[in-house]
Amino acid sequence: MSAHYSEVIVTEKPTVALAFAKYLSDRGYRTIRVEGVKAFEFRRNGLLSLSIGLRGHVLDYDFPSEYNIWAKVDPRELFFTKPILVVREGAGKYVRALRTLAKRTRR
């Protein structure tokens, strides 16, 4: 994939990404894969665009590992601990796809 996109539409479900491609395209769409994730490439107002569907949320908040042993942590301490973002299990390919697209998109 070497195309550069004028815009990328990210949806929570692949079916919604397909609907965007169908209804926003000038003359149809083309199915491609980005890092193994199905995406839909189309022209909108003459510019190359892409819609991609995720599978729900790809990130979660969690506490650092030293705070995940509940029997050893004072719960009050958690109110003052900054949570970290973690990639949900099985969502790595979606994160990779979004990173790849971010490098190839104007907005």
Foldseek 3Di string as FASTA:
>chain_A
DQAFFQEEAEEAAQVVQLVCQVVQAPPHWDWDAQLNFIKIWGAHPNTIYIYGHANHDFKDWDFPPVPPPPVPDDVVVVVVGDTDIDTDPPRVSVVNRVVVNVVRYPD
